[in-house]
Amino acid sequence: MLDKLKLLIAVLLVVAGIAGYYLLPDMPTLVRVLMILAGLVAGGVVTYFTVPGKAFFAFAGESREEARKVVWPTRKETMQTTGVVLAFVFVMALFLWIVDSSLLWLVRLALGQGN
């Protein structure tokens, strides 16, 4: 129950930051943006002190570690893969154009409009 109350407070802090942005149009834009950021940070801090919040932040940290383990392709591999994809798209477009034109010709022939 206490966690739900903390999560509600976190959501209200975020909403307050966003509301401050829209309800105070006379303030400088930088101050209004800082209100949103302050609401997000305050909501994040309150969320961190809940059980679901701690689980989320642990999951986010583990996800970040796993993303660092990924072996990203080199520029050459990326260009080769992109070339294969573009060639496949061109071949499929050509194939579908031929099929579409053939079906159009057959339908016109069946309706007696063909040449």
C-alpha atoms as a PDB file:
ATOM      1  CA  MET A   1       0.000   0.000   0.000  1.00  0.00           C
ATOM      2  CA  LEU A   2       2.839   2.364   0.838  1.00  0.00           C
ATOM      3  CA  ASP A   3       4.472   1.647  -2.536  1.00  0.00           C
ATOM      4  CA  LYS A   4       1.251   2.532  -4.336  1.00  0.00           C
ATOM      5  CA  LEU A   5       1.100   5.827  -2.456  1.00  0.00           C
ATOM      6  CA  LYS A   6       4.725   6.585  -3.379  1.00  0.00           C
ATOM      7  CA  LEU A   7       4.035   5.760  -7.035  1.00  0.00           C
ATOM      8  CA  LEU A   8       0.994   8.037  -6.962  1.00  0.00           C
ATOM      9  CA  ILE A   9       3.145  10.829  -5.542  1.00  0.00           C
ATOM     10  CA  ALA A  10       5.740  10.216  -8.279  1.00  0.00           C
ATOM     11  CA  VAL A  11       3.083  10.452 -10.994  1.00  0.00           C
ATOM     12  CA  LEU A  12       1.701  13.623  -9.421  1.00  0.00           C
ATOM     13  CA  LEU A  13       5.177  15.174  -9.383  1.00  0.00           C
ATOM     14  CA  VAL A  14       5.597  14.456 -13.088  1.00  0.00           C
ATOM     15  CA  VAL A  15       2.121  15.810 -13.834  1.00  0.00           C
ATOM     16  CA  ALA A  16       2.895  18.912 -11.742  1.00  0.00           C
ATOM     17  CA  GLY A  17       6.038  19.536 -13.794  1.00  0.00           C
ATOM     18  CA  ILE A  18       4.128  19.221 -17.046  1.00  0.00           C
ATOM     19  CA  ALA A  19       1.251  21.332 -15.727  1.00  0.00           C
ATOM     20  CA  GLY A  20       3.717  24.012 -14.667  1.00  0.00           C
ATOM     21  CA  TYR A  21       5.015  24.148 -18.223  1.00  0.00           C
ATOM     22  CA  TYR A  22       1.557  24.801 -19.661  1.00  0.00           C
ATOM     23  CA  LEU A  23       0.047  26.866 -16.856  1.00  0.00           C
ATOM     24  CA  LEU A  24       2.894  29.381 -16.683  1.00  0.00           C
ATOM     25  CA  PRO A  25       3.301  30.553 -20.295  1.00  0.00           C
ATOM     26  CA  ASP A  26       4.741  33.922 -19.191  1.00  0.00           C
ATOM     27  CA  MET A  27       7.843  32.303 -17.691  1.00  0.00           C
ATOM     28  CA  PRO A  28      10.959  31.959 -19.851  1.00  0.00           C
ATOM     29  CA  THR A  29      11.043  28.745 -21.883  1.00  0.00           C
ATOM     30  CA  LEU A  30      14.167  27.542 -20.096  1.00  0.00           C
ATOM     31  CA  VAL A  31      12.447  27.788 -16.714  1.00  0.00           C
ATOM     32  CA  ARG A  32       9.400  25.967 -18.048  1.00  0.00           C
ATOM     33  CA  VAL A  33      11.546  23.144 -19.454  1.00  0.00           C
ATOM     34  CA  LEU A  34      13.406  22.948 -16.139  1.00  0.00           C
ATOM     35  CA  MET A  35      10.025  22.516 -14.412  1.00  0.00           C
ATOM     36  CA  ILE A  36       9.334  19.446 -16.526  1.00  0.00           C
ATOM     37  CA  LEU A  37      12.799  18.052 -15.888  1.00  0.00           C
ATOM     38  CA  ALA A  38      12.484  18.729 -12.147  1.00  0.00           C
ATOM     39  CA  GLY A  39       9.143  16.914 -12.090  1.00  0.00           C
ATOM     40  CA  LEU A  40      10.652  13.942 -13.939  1.00  0.00           C
ATOM     41  CA  VAL A  41      13.690  13.783 -11.661  1.00  0.00           C
ATOM     42  CA  ALA A  42      11.606  14.144  -8.493  1.00  0.00           C
ATOM     43  CA  GLY A  43       9.207  11.462  -9.731  1.00  0.00           C
ATOM     44  CA  GLY A  44      12.144   9.187 -10.544  1.00  0.00           C
ATOM     45  CA  VAL A  45      13.656   9.677  -7.102  1.00  0.00           C
ATOM     46  CA  VAL A  46      10.376   8.889  -5.366  1.00  0.00           C
ATOM     47  CA  THR A  47       9.876   5.870  -7.655  1.00  0.00           C
ATOM     48  CA  TYR A  48      13.346   4.578  -6.803  1.00  0.00           C
ATOM     49  CA  PHE A  49      12.308   4.145  -3.171  1.00  0.00           C
ATOM     50  CA  THR A  50       9.529   1.687  -4.047  1.00  0.00           C
ATOM     51  CA  VAL A  51       9.921  -2.056  -4.565  1.00  0.00           C
ATOM     52  CA  PRO A  52       8.786  -1.904  -8.215  1.00  0.00           C
ATOM     53  CA  GLY A  53      11.032   1.128  -8.741  1.00  0.00           C
ATOM     54  CA  LYS A  54      14.108  -0.653  -7.402  1.00  0.00           C
ATOM     55  CA  ALA A  55      13.277  -3.664  -9.589  1.00  0.00           C
ATOM     56  CA  PHE A  56      12.928  -1.395 -12.622  1.00  0.00           C
ATOM     57  CA  PHE A  57      16.217   0.393 -12.000  1.00  0.00           C
ATOM     58  CA  ALA A  58      17.973  -2.977 -11.487  1.00  0.00           C
ATOM     59  CA  PHE A  59      16.482  -4.229 -14.766  1.00  0.00           C
ATOM     60  CA  ALA A  60      17.575  -1.045 -16.550  1.00  0.00           C
ATOM     61  CA  GLY A  61      21.126  -1.472 -15.253  1.00  0.00           C
ATOM     62  CA  GLU A  62      21.243  -5.101 -16.370  1.00  0.00           C
ATOM     63  CA  SER A  63      19.869  -4.132 -19.783  1.00  0.00           C
ATOM     64  CA  ARG A  64      22.581  -1.522 -20.141  1.00  0.00           C
ATOM     65  CA  GLU A  65      25.246  -4.107 -19.311  1.00  0.00           C
ATOM     66  CA  GLU A  66      23.818  -6.518 -21.897  1.00  0.00           C
ATOM     67  CA  ALA A  67      23.720  -3.781 -24.541  1.00  0.00           C
ATOM     68  CA  ARG A  68      27.435  -3.184 -23.977  1.00  0.00           C
ATOM     69  CA  LYS A  69      28.104  -6.864 -24.690  1.00  0.00           C
ATOM     70  CA  VAL A  70      26.551  -6.639 -28.153  1.00  0.00           C
ATOM     71  CA  VAL A  71      29.005  -6.949 -31.017  1.00  0.00           C
ATOM     72  CA  TRP A  72      27.936  -4.301 -33.469  1.00  0.00           C
ATOM     73  CA  PRO A  73      28.611  -4.814 -37.195  1.00  0.00           C
ATOM     74  CA  THR A  74      31.419  -2.969 -38.888  1.00  0.00           C
ATOM     75  CA  ARG A  75      30.775  -0.263 -41.459  1.00  0.00           C
ATOM     76  CA  LYS A  76      31.645  -2.714 -44.246  1.00  0.00           C
ATOM     77  CA  GLU A  77      29.204  -5.343 -42.947  1.00  0.00           C
ATOM     78  CA  THR A  78      26.489  -2.702 -42.574  1.00  0.00           C
ATOM     79  CA  MET A  79      26.993  -1.464 -46.129  1.00  0.00           C
ATOM     80  CA  GLN A  80      26.970  -5.012 -47.522  1.00  0.00           C
ATOM     81  CA  THR A  81      23.789  -5.897 -45.651  1.00  0.00           C
ATOM     82  CA  THR A  82      22.158  -2.663 -46.773  1.00  0.00           C
ATOM     83  CA  GLY A  83      23.118  -3.440 -50.374  1.00  0.00           C
ATOM     84  CA  VAL A  84      21.598  -6.922 -50.161  1.00  0.00           C
ATOM     85  CA  VAL A  85      18.394  -5.517 -48.678  1.00  0.00           C
ATOM     86  CA  LEU A  86      18.107  -2.826 -51.358  1.00  0.00           C
ATOM     87  CA  ALA A  87      18.748  -5.394 -54.119  1.00  0.00           C
ATOM     88  CA  PHE A  88      16.082  -7.681 -52.649  1.00  0.00           C
ATOM     89  CA  VAL A  89      13.606  -4.798 -52.435  1.00  0.00           C
ATOM     90  CA  PHE A  90      14.303  -3.897 -56.082  1.00  0.00           C
ATOM     91  CA  VAL A  91      13.850  -7.518 -57.239  1.00  0.00           C
ATOM     92  CA  MET A  92      10.623  -7.884 -55.251  1.00  0.00           C
ATOM     93  CA  ALA A  93       9.295  -4.575 -56.604  1.00  0.00           C
ATOM     94  CA  LEU A  94      10.063  -5.721 -60.144  1.00  0.00           C
ATOM     95  CA  PHE A  95       8.406  -9.097 -59.511  1.00  0.00           C
ATOM     96  CA  LEU A  96       5.279  -7.517 -58.007  1.00  0.00           C
ATOM     97  CA  TRP A  97       5.088  -5.027 -60.889  1.00  0.00           C
ATOM     98  CA  ILE A  98       5.217  -7.908 -63.389  1.00  0.00           C
ATOM     99  CA  VAL A  99       2.557  -9.862 -61.472  1.00  0.00           C
ATOM    100  CA  ASP A 100       0.347  -6.783 -61.178  1.00  0.00           C
ATOM    101  CA  SER A 101       0.695  -5.960 -64.880  1.00  0.00           C
ATOM    102  CA  SER A 102      -0.032  -9.568 -65.826  1.00  0.00           C
ATOM    103  CA  LEU A 103      -3.144  -9.696 -63.667  1.00  0.00           C
ATOM    104  CA  LEU A 104      -4.307  -6.366 -65.083  1.00  0.00           C
ATOM    105  CA  TRP A 105      -3.835  -7.707 -68.609  1.00  0.00           C
ATOM    106  CA  LEU A 106      -5.747 -10.919 -67.746  1.00  0.00           C
ATOM    107  CA  VAL A 107      -8.633  -8.978 -66.179  1.00  0.00           C
ATOM    108  CA  ARG A 108      -8.855  -6.665 -69.196  1.00  0.00           C
ATOM    109  CA  LEU A 109      -8.763  -9.708 -71.489  1.00  0.00           C
ATOM    110  CA  ALA A 110     -11.527 -11.391 -69.486  1.00  0.00           C
ATOM    111  CA  LEU A 111     -13.670  -8.249 -69.644  1.00  0.00           C
ATOM    112  CA  GLY A 112     -13.128  -7.918 -73.383  1.00  0.00           C
ATOM    113  CA  GLN A 113     -11.075  -4.734 -73.146  1.00  0.00           C
ATOM    114  CA  GLY A 114      -7.713  -6.287 -73.988  1.00  0.00           C
ATOM    115  CA  ASN A 115      -5.778  -5.538 -77.184  1.00  0.00           C
END
